[in-house]
């Protein structure tokens, strides 16, 4: 799984920033701006890039659902469908899928 993460980070893909979503979710739950900053900035840049790419995959899948799903408001059954999609349609190994959870 580490090599696939490194490949995503090295690919130079532009991915929407998951940190914006994480900060918004924390703000909605009344976390302080200091807490959300620390929680979202405590990961090294290359790891953030990888996580952003995984968030992009998830966000794109959500937007293609009928009706579209808001990623931050996903319910457990839909999340399970996403994980099944990764395994069945994208042929991802279990160890790779665990990165999304």
PDB file of N, CA and C in Angstrom:
ATOM      1  N   UNK A   1       0.822  -1.193   0.000  1.00  0.00           N
ATOM      2  CA  UNK A   1       0.000   0.000   0.000  1.00  0.00           C
ATOM      3  C   UNK A   1       0.862   1.250   0.000  1.00  0.00           C
ATOM      4  N   UNK A   2       2.027   1.185   0.645  1.00  0.00           N
ATOM      5  CA  UNK A   2       2.892   2.351   0.703  1.00  0.00           C
ATOM      6  C   UNK A   2       3.354   2.758  -0.683  1.00  0.00           C
ATOM      7  N   UNK A   3       3.725   1.788  -1.537  1.00  0.00           N
ATOM      8  CA  UNK A   3       4.185   2.145  -2.872  1.00  0.00           C
ATOM      9  C   UNK A   3       3.076   2.783  -3.685  1.00  0.00           C
ATOM     10  N   UNK A   4       1.819   2.331  -3.527  1.00  0.00           N
ATOM     11  CA  UNK A   4       0.727   2.961  -4.257  1.00  0.00           C
ATOM     12  C   UNK A   4       0.513   4.388  -3.763  1.00  0.00           C
ATOM     13  N   UNK A   5       0.691   4.631  -2.472  1.00  0.00           N
ATOM     14  CA  UNK A   5       0.581   5.982  -1.926  1.00  0.00           C
ATOM     15  C   UNK A   5       1.671   6.866  -2.505  1.00  0.00           C
ATOM     16  N   UNK A   6       2.905   6.349  -2.549  1.00  0.00           N
ATOM     17  CA  UNK A   6       4.010   7.130  -3.086  1.00  0.00           C
ATOM     18  C   UNK A   6       3.793   7.440  -4.554  1.00  0.00           C
ATOM     19  N   UNK A   7       3.259   6.480  -5.309  1.00  0.00           N
ATOM     20  CA  UNK A   7       2.993   6.717  -6.720  1.00  0.00           C
ATOM     21  C   UNK A   7       1.970   7.825  -6.902  1.00  0.00           C
ATOM     22  N   UNK A   8       0.929   7.856  -6.074  1.00  0.00           N
ATOM     23  CA  UNK A   8      -0.057   8.928  -6.160  1.00  0.00           C
ATOM     24  C   UNK A   8       0.587  10.273  -5.865  1.00  0.00           C
ATOM     25  N   UNK A   9       1.402  10.333  -4.840  1.00  0.00           N
ATOM     26  CA  UNK A   9       2.031  11.592  -4.467  1.00  0.00           C
ATOM     27  C   UNK A   9       2.991  12.065  -5.547  1.00  0.00           C
ATOM     28  N   UNK A  10       3.714  11.143  -6.180  1.00  0.00           N
ATOM     29  CA  UNK A  10       4.696  11.487  -7.202  1.00  0.00           C
ATOM     30  C   UNK A  10       4.047  11.828  -8.534  1.00  0.00           C
ATOM     31  N   UNK A  11       2.802  11.396  -8.746  1.00  0.00           N
ATOM     32  CA  UNK A  11       2.161  11.584 -10.043  1.00  0.00           C
ATOM     33  C   UNK A  11       1.886  13.048 -10.340  1.00  0.00           C
ATOM     34  N   UNK A  12       1.872  13.880  -9.294  1.00  0.00           N
ATOM     35  CA  UNK A  12       1.609  15.286  -9.490  1.00  0.00           C
ATOM     36  C   UNK A  12       0.150  15.596  -9.767  1.00  0.00           C
ATOM     37  N   UNK A  13      -0.742  14.633  -9.519  1.00  0.00           N
ATOM     38  CA  UNK A  13      -2.165  14.856  -9.738  1.00  0.00           C
ATOM     39  C   UNK A  13      -2.632  16.028  -8.889  1.00  0.00           C
ATOM     40  N   UNK A  14      -3.519  16.820  -9.453  1.00  0.00           N
ATOM     41  CA  UNK A  14      -4.136  17.891  -8.694  1.00  0.00           C
ATOM     42  C   UNK A  14      -5.432  17.357  -8.127  1.00  0.00           C
ATOM     43  N   UNK A  15      -5.533  17.359  -6.827  1.00  0.00           N
ATOM     44  CA  UNK A  15      -6.702  16.815  -6.155  1.00  0.00           C
ATOM     45  C   UNK A  15      -7.332  17.893  -5.298  1.00  0.00           C
ATOM     46  N   UNK A  16      -8.660  17.895  -5.237  1.00  0.00           N
ATOM     47  CA  UNK A  16      -9.306  18.851  -4.333  1.00  0.00           C
ATOM     48  C   UNK A  16      -8.811  18.636  -2.907  1.00  0.00           C
ATOM     49  N   UNK A  17      -8.736  19.690  -2.166  1.00  0.00           N
ATOM     50  CA  UNK A  17      -8.157  19.637  -0.845  1.00  0.00           C
ATOM     51  C   UNK A  17      -9.151  19.122   0.190  1.00  0.00           C
ATOM     52  N   UNK A  18      -8.875  17.980   0.753  1.00  0.00           N
ATOM     53  CA  UNK A  18      -9.735  17.380   1.771  1.00  0.00           C
ATOM     54  C   UNK A  18      -9.667  18.150   3.072  1.00  0.00           C
ATOM     55  N   UNK A  19      -8.617  18.956   3.241  1.00  0.00           N
ATOM     56  CA  UNK A  19      -8.466  19.708   4.478  1.00  0.00           C
ATOM     57  C   UNK A  19      -9.588  20.728   4.628  1.00  0.00           C
ATOM     58  N   UNK A  20     -10.030  21.303   3.518  1.00  0.00           N
ATOM     59  CA  UNK A  20     -11.153  22.236   3.571  1.00  0.00           C
ATOM     60  C   UNK A  20     -12.378  21.520   4.136  1.00  0.00           C
ATOM     61  N   UNK A  21     -12.630  20.303   3.670  1.00  0.00           N
ATOM     62  CA  UNK A  21     -13.776  19.538   4.165  1.00  0.00           C
ATOM     63  C   UNK A  21     -13.603  19.167   5.636  1.00  0.00           C
ATOM     64  N   UNK A  22     -12.392  18.782   6.015  1.00  0.00           N
ATOM     65  CA  UNK A  22     -12.148  18.397   7.407  1.00  0.00           C
ATOM     66  C   UNK A  22     -12.333  19.589   8.344  1.00  0.00           C
ATOM     67  N   UNK A  23     -11.811  20.734   7.947  1.00  0.00           N
ATOM     68  CA  UNK A  23     -11.960  21.928   8.785  1.00  0.00           C
ATOM     69  C   UNK A  23     -13.424  22.335   8.912  1.00  0.00           C
ATOM     70  N   UNK A  24     -14.173  22.247   7.812  1.00  0.00           N
ATOM     71  CA  UNK A  24     -15.597  22.589   7.860  1.00  0.00           C
ATOM     72  C   UNK A  24     -16.355  21.640   8.776  1.00  0.00           C
ATOM     73  N   UNK A  25     -16.014  20.353   8.712  1.00  0.00           N
ATOM     74  CA  UNK A  25     -16.677  19.374   9.577  1.00  0.00           C
ATOM     75  C   UNK A  25     -16.355  19.648  11.042  1.00  0.00           C
ATOM     76  N   UNK A  26     -15.126  19.993  11.333  1.00  0.00           N
ATOM     77  CA  UNK A  26     -14.749  20.286  12.713  1.00  0.00           C
ATOM     78  C   UNK A  26     -15.417  21.564  13.212  1.00  0.00           C
ATOM     79  N   UNK A  27     -15.506  22.566  12.339  1.00  0.00           N
ATOM     80  CA  UNK A  27     -16.167  23.816  12.720  1.00  0.00           C
ATOM     81  C   UNK A  27     -17.643  23.556  13.018  1.00  0.00           C
ATOM     82  N   UNK A  28     -18.282  22.719  12.191  1.00  0.00           N
ATOM     83  CA  UNK A  28     -19.698  22.394  12.398  1.00  0.00           C
ATOM     84  C   UNK A  28     -19.921  21.678  13.726  1.00  0.00           C
ATOM     85  N   UNK A  29     -18.876  21.039  14.241  1.00  0.00           N
ATOM     86  CA  UNK A  29     -18.973  20.329  15.526  1.00  0.00           C
ATOM     87  C   UNK A  29     -18.375  21.150  16.669  1.00  0.00           C
ATOM     88  N   UNK A  30     -18.198  22.444  16.419  1.00  0.00           N
ATOM     89  CA  UNK A  30     -17.746  23.413  17.426  1.00  0.00           C
ATOM     90  C   UNK A  30     -16.326  23.215  17.915  1.00  0.00           C
ATOM     91  N   UNK A  31     -15.448  22.625  17.095  1.00  0.00           N
ATOM     92  CA  UNK A  31     -14.031  22.579  17.446  1.00  0.00           C
ATOM     93  C   UNK A  31     -13.450  23.974  17.245  1.00  0.00           C
ATOM     94  N   UNK A  32     -12.470  24.331  18.030  1.00  0.00           N
ATOM     95  CA  UNK A  32     -11.820  25.629  17.862  1.00  0.00           C
ATOM     96  C   UNK A  32     -10.993  25.625  16.581  1.00  0.00           C
ATOM     97  N   UNK A  33     -10.689  26.823  16.080  1.00  0.00           N
ATOM     98  CA  UNK A  33      -9.861  26.914  14.876  1.00  0.00           C
ATOM     99  C   UNK A  33      -8.465  26.362  15.149  1.00  0.00           C
ATOM    100  N   UNK A  34      -7.982  26.499  16.385  1.00  0.00           N
ATOM    101  CA  UNK A  34      -6.667  25.947  16.736  1.00  0.00           C
ATOM    102  C   UNK A  34      -6.690  24.423  16.672  1.00  0.00           C
ATOM    103  N   UNK A  35      -7.761  23.817  17.160  1.00  0.00           N
ATOM    104  CA  UNK A  35      -7.861  22.354  17.137  1.00  0.00           C
ATOM    105  C   UNK A  35      -7.953  21.840  15.707  1.00  0.00           C
ATOM    106  N   UNK A  36      -8.745  22.499  14.876  1.00  0.00           N
ATOM    107  CA  UNK A  36      -8.867  22.033  13.494  1.00  0.00           C
ATOM    108  C   UNK A  36      -7.562  22.230  12.734  1.00  0.00           C
ATOM    109  N   UNK A  37      -6.864  23.324  13.012  1.00  0.00           N
ATOM    110  CA  UNK A  37      -5.575  23.559  12.352  1.00  0.00           C
ATOM    111  C   UNK A  37      -4.566  22.468  12.736  1.00  0.00           C
ATOM    112  N   UNK A  38      -4.468  22.196  14.020  1.00  0.00           N
ATOM    113  CA  UNK A  38      -3.528  21.182  14.483  1.00  0.00           C
ATOM    114  C   UNK A  38      -3.872  19.807  13.900  1.00  0.00           C
ATOM    115  N   UNK A  39      -5.134  19.464  13.897  1.00  0.00           N
ATOM    116  CA  UNK A  39      -5.554  18.148  13.399  1.00  0.00           C
ATOM    117  C   UNK A  39      -5.307  17.991  11.906  1.00  0.00           C
ATOM    118  N   UNK A  40      -5.424  19.062  11.148  1.00  0.00           N
ATOM    119  CA  UNK A  40      -5.283  18.955   9.695  1.00  0.00           C
ATOM    120  C   UNK A  40      -3.880  19.259   9.191  1.00  0.00           C
ATOM    121  N   UNK A  41      -3.049  19.869  10.013  1.00  0.00           N
ATOM    122  CA  UNK A  41      -1.699  20.219   9.572  1.00  0.00           C
ATOM    123  C   UNK A  41      -0.620  19.341  10.188  1.00  0.00           C
ATOM    124  N   UNK A  42      -1.015  18.377  10.986  1.00  0.00           N
ATOM    125  CA  UNK A  42      -0.033  17.581  11.710  1.00  0.00           C
ATOM    126  C   UNK A  42       0.539  16.433  10.884  1.00  0.00           C
ATOM    127  N   UNK A  43       0.206  16.370   9.620  1.00  0.00           N
ATOM    128  CA  UNK A  43       0.689  15.307   8.744  1.00  0.00           C
ATOM    129  C   UNK A  43       1.648  15.933   7.731  1.00  0.00           C
ATOM    130  N   UNK A  44       2.727  15.226   7.413  1.00  0.00           N
ATOM    131  CA  UNK A  44       3.701  15.772   6.466  1.00  0.00           C
ATOM    132  C   UNK A  44       3.063  15.991   5.092  1.00  0.00           C
ATOM    133  N   UNK A  45       3.631  16.896   4.337  1.00  0.00           N
ATOM    134  CA  UNK A  45       3.037  17.338   3.073  1.00  0.00           C
ATOM    135  C   UNK A  45       2.809  16.180   2.100  1.00  0.00           C
ATOM    136  N   UNK A  46       3.755  15.283   1.960  1.00  0.00           N
ATOM    137  CA  UNK A  46       3.579  14.183   1.003  1.00  0.00           C
ATOM    138  C   UNK A  46       2.416  13.283   1.405  1.00  0.00           C
ATOM    139  N   UNK A  47       2.226  13.094   2.701  1.00  0.00           N
ATOM    140  CA  UNK A  47       1.096  12.296   3.180  1.00  0.00           C
ATOM    141  C   UNK A  47      -0.209  13.032   2.915  1.00  0.00           C
ATOM    142  N   UNK A  48      -0.220  14.339   3.113  1.00  0.00           N
ATOM    143  CA  UNK A  48      -1.413  15.126   2.817  1.00  0.00           C
ATOM    144  C   UNK A  48      -1.787  15.004   1.345  1.00  0.00           C
ATOM    145  N   UNK A  49      -0.792  15.025   0.458  1.00  0.00           N
ATOM    146  CA  UNK A  49      -1.051  14.895  -0.975  1.00  0.00           C
ATOM    147  C   UNK A  49      -1.707  13.552  -1.286  1.00  0.00           C
ATOM    148  N   UNK A  50      -1.227  12.507  -0.654  1.00  0.00           N
ATOM    149  CA  UNK A  50      -1.804  11.176  -0.870  1.00  0.00           C
ATOM    150  C   UNK A  50      -3.234  11.144  -0.367  1.00  0.00           C
ATOM    151  N   UNK A  51      -3.452  11.640   0.858  1.00  0.00           N
ATOM    152  CA  UNK A  51      -4.805  11.670   1.411  1.00  0.00           C
ATOM    153  C   UNK A  51      -5.740  12.499   0.538  1.00  0.00           C
ATOM    154  N   UNK A  52      -5.242  13.607  -0.004  1.00  0.00           N
ATOM    155  CA  UNK A  52      -6.058  14.427  -0.904  1.00  0.00           C
ATOM    156  C   UNK A  52      -6.473  13.641  -2.139  1.00  0.00           C
ATOM    157  N   UNK A  53      -5.574  12.832  -2.666  1.00  0.00           N
ATOM    158  CA  UNK A  53      -5.910  12.026  -3.841  1.00  0.00           C
ATOM    159  C   UNK A  53      -6.964  10.976  -3.506  1.00  0.00           C
ATOM    160  N   UNK A  54      -6.857  10.357  -2.353  1.00  0.00           N
ATOM    161  CA  UNK A  54      -7.880   9.395  -1.942  1.00  0.00           C
ATOM    162  C   UNK A  54      -9.215  10.090  -1.724  1.00  0.00           C
ATOM    163  N   UNK A  55      -9.174  11.289  -1.144  1.00  0.00           N
ATOM    164  CA  UNK A  55     -10.411  12.064  -0.956  1.00  0.00           C
ATOM    165  C   UNK A  55     -11.028  12.380  -2.313  1.00  0.00           C
ATOM    166  N   UNK A  56     -10.192  12.702  -3.300  1.00  0.00           N
ATOM    167  CA  UNK A  56     -10.675  13.001  -4.651  1.00  0.00           C
ATOM    168  C   UNK A  56     -11.399  11.800  -5.249  1.00  0.00           C
ATOM    169  N   UNK A  57     -10.826  10.616  -5.112  1.00  0.00           N
ATOM    170  CA  UNK A  57     -11.471   9.396  -5.616  1.00  0.00           C
ATOM    171  C   UNK A  57     -12.840   9.229  -4.967  1.00  0.00           C
ATOM    172  N   UNK A  58     -12.884   9.390  -3.655  1.00  0.00           N
ATOM    173  CA  UNK A  58     -14.130   9.257  -2.915  1.00  0.00           C
ATOM    174  C   UNK A  58     -15.137  10.327  -3.332  1.00  0.00           C
ATOM    175  N   UNK A  59     -14.706  11.569  -3.428  1.00  0.00           N
ATOM    176  CA  UNK A  59     -15.597  12.672  -3.794  1.00  0.00           C
ATOM    177  C   UNK A  59     -16.171  12.491  -5.189  1.00  0.00           C
ATOM    178  N   UNK A  60     -15.344  12.052  -6.103  1.00  0.00           N
ATOM    179  CA  UNK A  60     -15.827  11.818  -7.477  1.00  0.00           C
ATOM    180  C   UNK A  60     -16.861  10.707  -7.503  1.00  0.00           C
ATOM    181  N   UNK A  61     -16.614   9.641  -6.769  1.00  0.00           N
ATOM    182  CA  UNK A  61     -17.582   8.547  -6.698  1.00  0.00           C
ATOM    183  C   UNK A  61     -18.903   9.082  -6.146  1.00  0.00           C
ATOM    184  N   UNK A  62     -18.836   9.860  -5.083  1.00  0.00           N
ATOM    185  CA  UNK A  62     -20.055  10.426  -4.477  1.00  0.00           C
ATOM    186  C   UNK A  62     -20.840  11.253  -5.489  1.00  0.00           C
ATOM    187  N   UNK A  63     -20.140  12.056  -6.267  1.00  0.00           N
ATOM    188  CA  UNK A  63     -20.815  12.944  -7.214  1.00  0.00           C
ATOM    189  C   UNK A  63     -21.470  12.181  -8.364  1.00  0.00           C
ATOM    190  N   UNK A  64     -21.004  10.957  -8.618  1.00  0.00           N
ATOM    191  CA  UNK A  64     -21.564  10.150  -9.709  1.00  0.00           C
ATOM    192  C   UNK A  64     -22.753   9.295  -9.283  1.00  0.00           C
ATOM    193  N   UNK A  65     -23.080   9.316  -7.999  1.00  0.00           N
ATOM    194  CA  UNK A  65     -24.203   8.515  -7.520  1.00  0.00           C
ATOM    195  C   UNK A  65     -25.516   9.198  -7.900  1.00  0.00           C
ATOM    196  N   UNK A  66     -26.584   8.401  -7.951  1.00  0.00           N
ATOM    197  CA  UNK A  66     -27.888   8.930  -8.315  1.00  0.00           C
ATOM    198  C   UNK A  66     -28.862   8.696  -7.179  1.00  0.00           C
ATOM    199  N   UNK A  67     -29.196   9.714  -6.427  1.00  0.00           N
ATOM    200  CA  UNK A  67     -28.752  11.105  -6.526  1.00  0.00           C
ATOM    201  C   UNK A  67     -27.341  11.259  -5.956  1.00  0.00           C
ATOM    202  N   UNK A  68     -26.661  12.345  -6.335  1.00  0.00           N
ATOM    203  CA  UNK A  68     -25.306  12.575  -5.811  1.00  0.00           C
ATOM    204  C   UNK A  68     -25.298  12.626  -4.284  1.00  0.00           C
ATOM    205  N   UNK A  69     -24.200  12.187  -3.719  1.00  0.00           N
ATOM    206  CA  UNK A  69     -24.025  12.147  -2.267  1.00  0.00           C
ATOM    207  C   UNK A  69     -23.052  13.249  -1.872  1.00  0.00           C
ATOM    208  N   UNK A  70     -23.357  13.940  -0.793  1.00  0.00           N
ATOM    209  CA  UNK A  70     -22.406  14.896  -0.236  1.00  0.00           C
ATOM    210  C   UNK A  70     -21.407  14.094   0.603  1.00  0.00           C
ATOM    211  N   UNK A  71     -20.130  14.108   0.244  1.00  0.00           N
ATOM    212  CA  UNK A  71     -19.150  13.250   0.928  1.00  0.00           C
ATOM    213  C   UNK A  71     -19.152  13.354   2.447  1.00  0.00           C
ATOM    214  N   UNK A  72     -19.325  14.542   2.982  1.00  0.00           N
ATOM    215  CA  UNK A  72     -19.303  14.697   4.443  1.00  0.00           C
ATOM    216  C   UNK A  72     -20.577  14.205   5.105  1.00  0.00           C
ATOM    217  N   UNK A  73     -21.612  13.935   4.324  1.00  0.00           N
ATOM    218  CA  UNK A  73     -22.889  13.504   4.888  1.00  0.00           C
ATOM    219  C   UNK A  73     -23.231  12.067   4.496  1.00  0.00           C
ATOM    220  N   UNK A  74     -22.237  11.315   4.064  1.00  0.00           N
ATOM    221  CA  UNK A  74     -22.474   9.951   3.613  1.00  0.00           C
ATOM    222  C   UNK A  74     -22.928   9.075   4.784  1.00  0.00           C
ATOM    223  N   UNK A  75     -23.817   8.151   4.481  1.00  0.00           N
ATOM    224  CA  UNK A  75     -24.314   7.206   5.484  1.00  0.00           C
ATOM    225  C   UNK A  75     -23.592   5.877   5.301  1.00  0.00           C
ATOM    226  N   UNK A  76     -23.587   5.087   6.349  1.00  0.00           N
ATOM    227  CA  UNK A  76     -22.824   3.834   6.361  1.00  0.00           C
ATOM    228  C   UNK A  76     -23.128   2.923   5.162  1.00  0.00           C
ATOM    229  N   UNK A  77     -24.391   2.713   4.766  1.00  0.00           N
ATOM    230  CA  UNK A  77     -24.637   1.828   3.616  1.00  0.00           C
ATOM    231  C   UNK A  77     -23.978   2.332   2.327  1.00  0.00           C
ATOM    232  N   UNK A  78     -24.005   3.646   2.112  1.00  0.00           N
ATOM    233  CA  UNK A  78     -23.366   4.195   0.914  1.00  0.00           C
ATOM    234  C   UNK A  78     -21.854   4.091   0.997  1.00  0.00           C
ATOM    235  N   UNK A  79     -21.311   4.283   2.189  1.00  0.00           N
ATOM    236  CA  UNK A  79     -19.871   4.124   2.365  1.00  0.00           C
ATOM    237  C   UNK A  79     -19.460   2.684   2.070  1.00  0.00           C
ATOM    238  N   UNK A  80     -20.266   1.744   2.516  1.00  0.00           N
ATOM    239  CA  UNK A  80     -19.994   0.334   2.217  1.00  0.00           C
ATOM    240  C   UNK A  80     -20.025   0.096   0.708  1.00  0.00           C
ATOM    241  N   UNK A  81     -20.971   0.731   0.013  1.00  0.00           N
ATOM    242  CA  UNK A  81     -21.037   0.594  -1.455  1.00  0.00           C
ATOM    243  C   UNK A  81     -19.775   1.150  -2.110  1.00  0.00           C
ATOM    244  N   UNK A  82     -19.247   2.246  -1.571  1.00  0.00           N
ATOM    245  CA  UNK A  82     -18.004   2.801  -2.111  1.00  0.00           C
ATOM    246  C   UNK A  82     -16.850   1.819  -1.951  1.00  0.00           C
ATOM    247  N   UNK A  83     -16.738   1.224  -0.783  1.00  0.00           N
ATOM    248  CA  UNK A  83     -15.665   0.260  -0.541  1.00  0.00           C
ATOM    249  C   UNK A  83     -15.821  -0.964  -1.442  1.00  0.00           C
ATOM    250  N   UNK A  84     -17.055  -1.402  -1.656  1.00  0.00           N
ATOM    251  CA  UNK A  84     -17.312  -2.511  -2.583  1.00  0.00           C
ATOM    252  C   UNK A  84     -16.898  -2.109  -3.997  1.00  0.00           C
ATOM    253  N   UNK A  85     -17.211  -0.884  -4.380  1.00  0.00           N
ATOM    254  CA  UNK A  85     -16.827  -0.362  -5.701  1.00  0.00           C
ATOM    255  C   UNK A  85     -15.303  -0.429  -5.887  1.00  0.00           C
ATOM    256  N   UNK A  86     -14.571  -0.037  -4.851  1.00  0.00           N
ATOM    257  CA  UNK A  86     -13.107  -0.091  -4.950  1.00  0.00           C
ATOM    258  C   UNK A  86     -12.622  -1.513  -5.190  1.00  0.00           C
ATOM    259  N   UNK A  87     -13.219  -2.459  -4.501  1.00  0.00           N
ATOM    260  CA  UNK A  87     -12.789  -3.847  -4.618  1.00  0.00           C
ATOM    261  C   UNK A  87     -13.271  -4.477  -5.926  1.00  0.00           C
ATOM    262  N   UNK A  88     -14.555  -4.362  -6.198  1.00  0.00           N
ATOM    263  CA  UNK A  88     -15.145  -5.053  -7.346  1.00  0.00           C
ATOM    264  C   UNK A  88     -14.824  -4.369  -8.672  1.00  0.00           C
ATOM    265  N   UNK A  89     -15.013  -3.048  -8.746  1.00  0.00           N
ATOM    266  CA  UNK A  89     -14.875  -2.343 -10.015  1.00  0.00           C
ATOM    267  C   UNK A  89     -13.458  -1.850 -10.288  1.00  0.00           C
ATOM    268  N   UNK A  90     -12.762  -1.469  -9.238  1.00  0.00           N
ATOM    269  CA  UNK A  90     -11.404  -0.934  -9.404  1.00  0.00           C
ATOM    270  C   UNK A  90     -10.325  -1.968  -9.096  1.00  0.00           C
ATOM    271  N   UNK A  91     -10.750  -3.146  -8.659  1.00  0.00           N
ATOM    272  CA  UNK A  91      -9.838  -4.264  -8.392  1.00  0.00           C
ATOM    273  C   UNK A  91      -8.754  -3.905  -7.368  1.00  0.00           C
ATOM    274  N   UNK A  92      -9.155  -3.148  -6.369  1.00  0.00           N
ATOM    275  CA  UNK A  92      -8.222  -2.773  -5.307  1.00  0.00           C
ATOM    276  C   UNK A  92      -8.139  -3.893  -4.282  1.00  0.00           C
ATOM    277  N   UNK A  93      -6.945  -4.120  -3.790  1.00  0.00           N
ATOM    278  CA  UNK A  93      -6.721  -5.125  -2.754  1.00  0.00           C
ATOM    279  C   UNK A  93      -7.250  -4.612  -1.418  1.00  0.00           C
ATOM    280  N   UNK A  94      -7.548  -5.532  -0.525  1.00  0.00           N
ATOM    281  CA  UNK A  94      -8.059  -5.179   0.797  1.00  0.00           C
ATOM    282  C   UNK A  94      -7.129  -4.185   1.497  1.00  0.00           C
ATOM    283  N   UNK A  95      -5.844  -4.412   1.437  1.00  0.00           N
ATOM    284  CA  UNK A  95      -4.884  -3.518   2.125  1.00  0.00           C
ATOM    285  C   UNK A  95      -4.941  -2.110   1.555  1.00  0.00           C
ATOM    286  N   UNK A  96      -5.195  -1.982   0.259  1.00  0.00           N
ATOM    287  CA  UNK A  96      -5.319  -0.654  -0.354  1.00  0.00           C
ATOM    288  C   UNK A  96      -6.613   0.013   0.089  1.00  0.00           C
ATOM    289  N   UNK A  97      -7.678  -0.750   0.153  1.00  0.00           N
ATOM    290  CA  UNK A  97      -8.990  -0.210   0.544  1.00  0.00           C
ATOM    291  C   UNK A  97      -8.955   0.307   1.972  1.00  0.00           C
ATOM    292  N   UNK A  98      -8.186  -0.305   2.840  1.00  0.00           N
ATOM    293  CA  UNK A  98      -8.155   0.135   4.235  1.00  0.00           C
ATOM    294  C   UNK A  98      -7.638   1.562   4.376  1.00  0.00           C
ATOM    295  N   UNK A  99      -6.913   2.064   3.394  1.00  0.00           N
ATOM    296  CA  UNK A  99      -6.425   3.446   3.427  1.00  0.00           C
ATOM    297  C   UNK A  99      -7.609   4.414   3.387  1.00  0.00           C
ATOM    298  N   UNK A 100      -8.696   4.002   2.758  1.00  0.00           N
ATOM    299  CA  UNK A 100      -9.862   4.859   2.635  1.00  0.00           C
ATOM    300  C   UNK A 100     -10.697   4.915   3.904  1.00  0.00           C
ATOM    301  N   UNK A 101     -10.467   4.008   4.838  1.00  0.00           N
ATOM    302  CA  UNK A 101     -11.314   3.947   6.017  1.00  0.00           C
ATOM    303  C   UNK A 101     -10.732   4.681   7.200  1.00  0.00           C
TER     304      UNK A 101
END
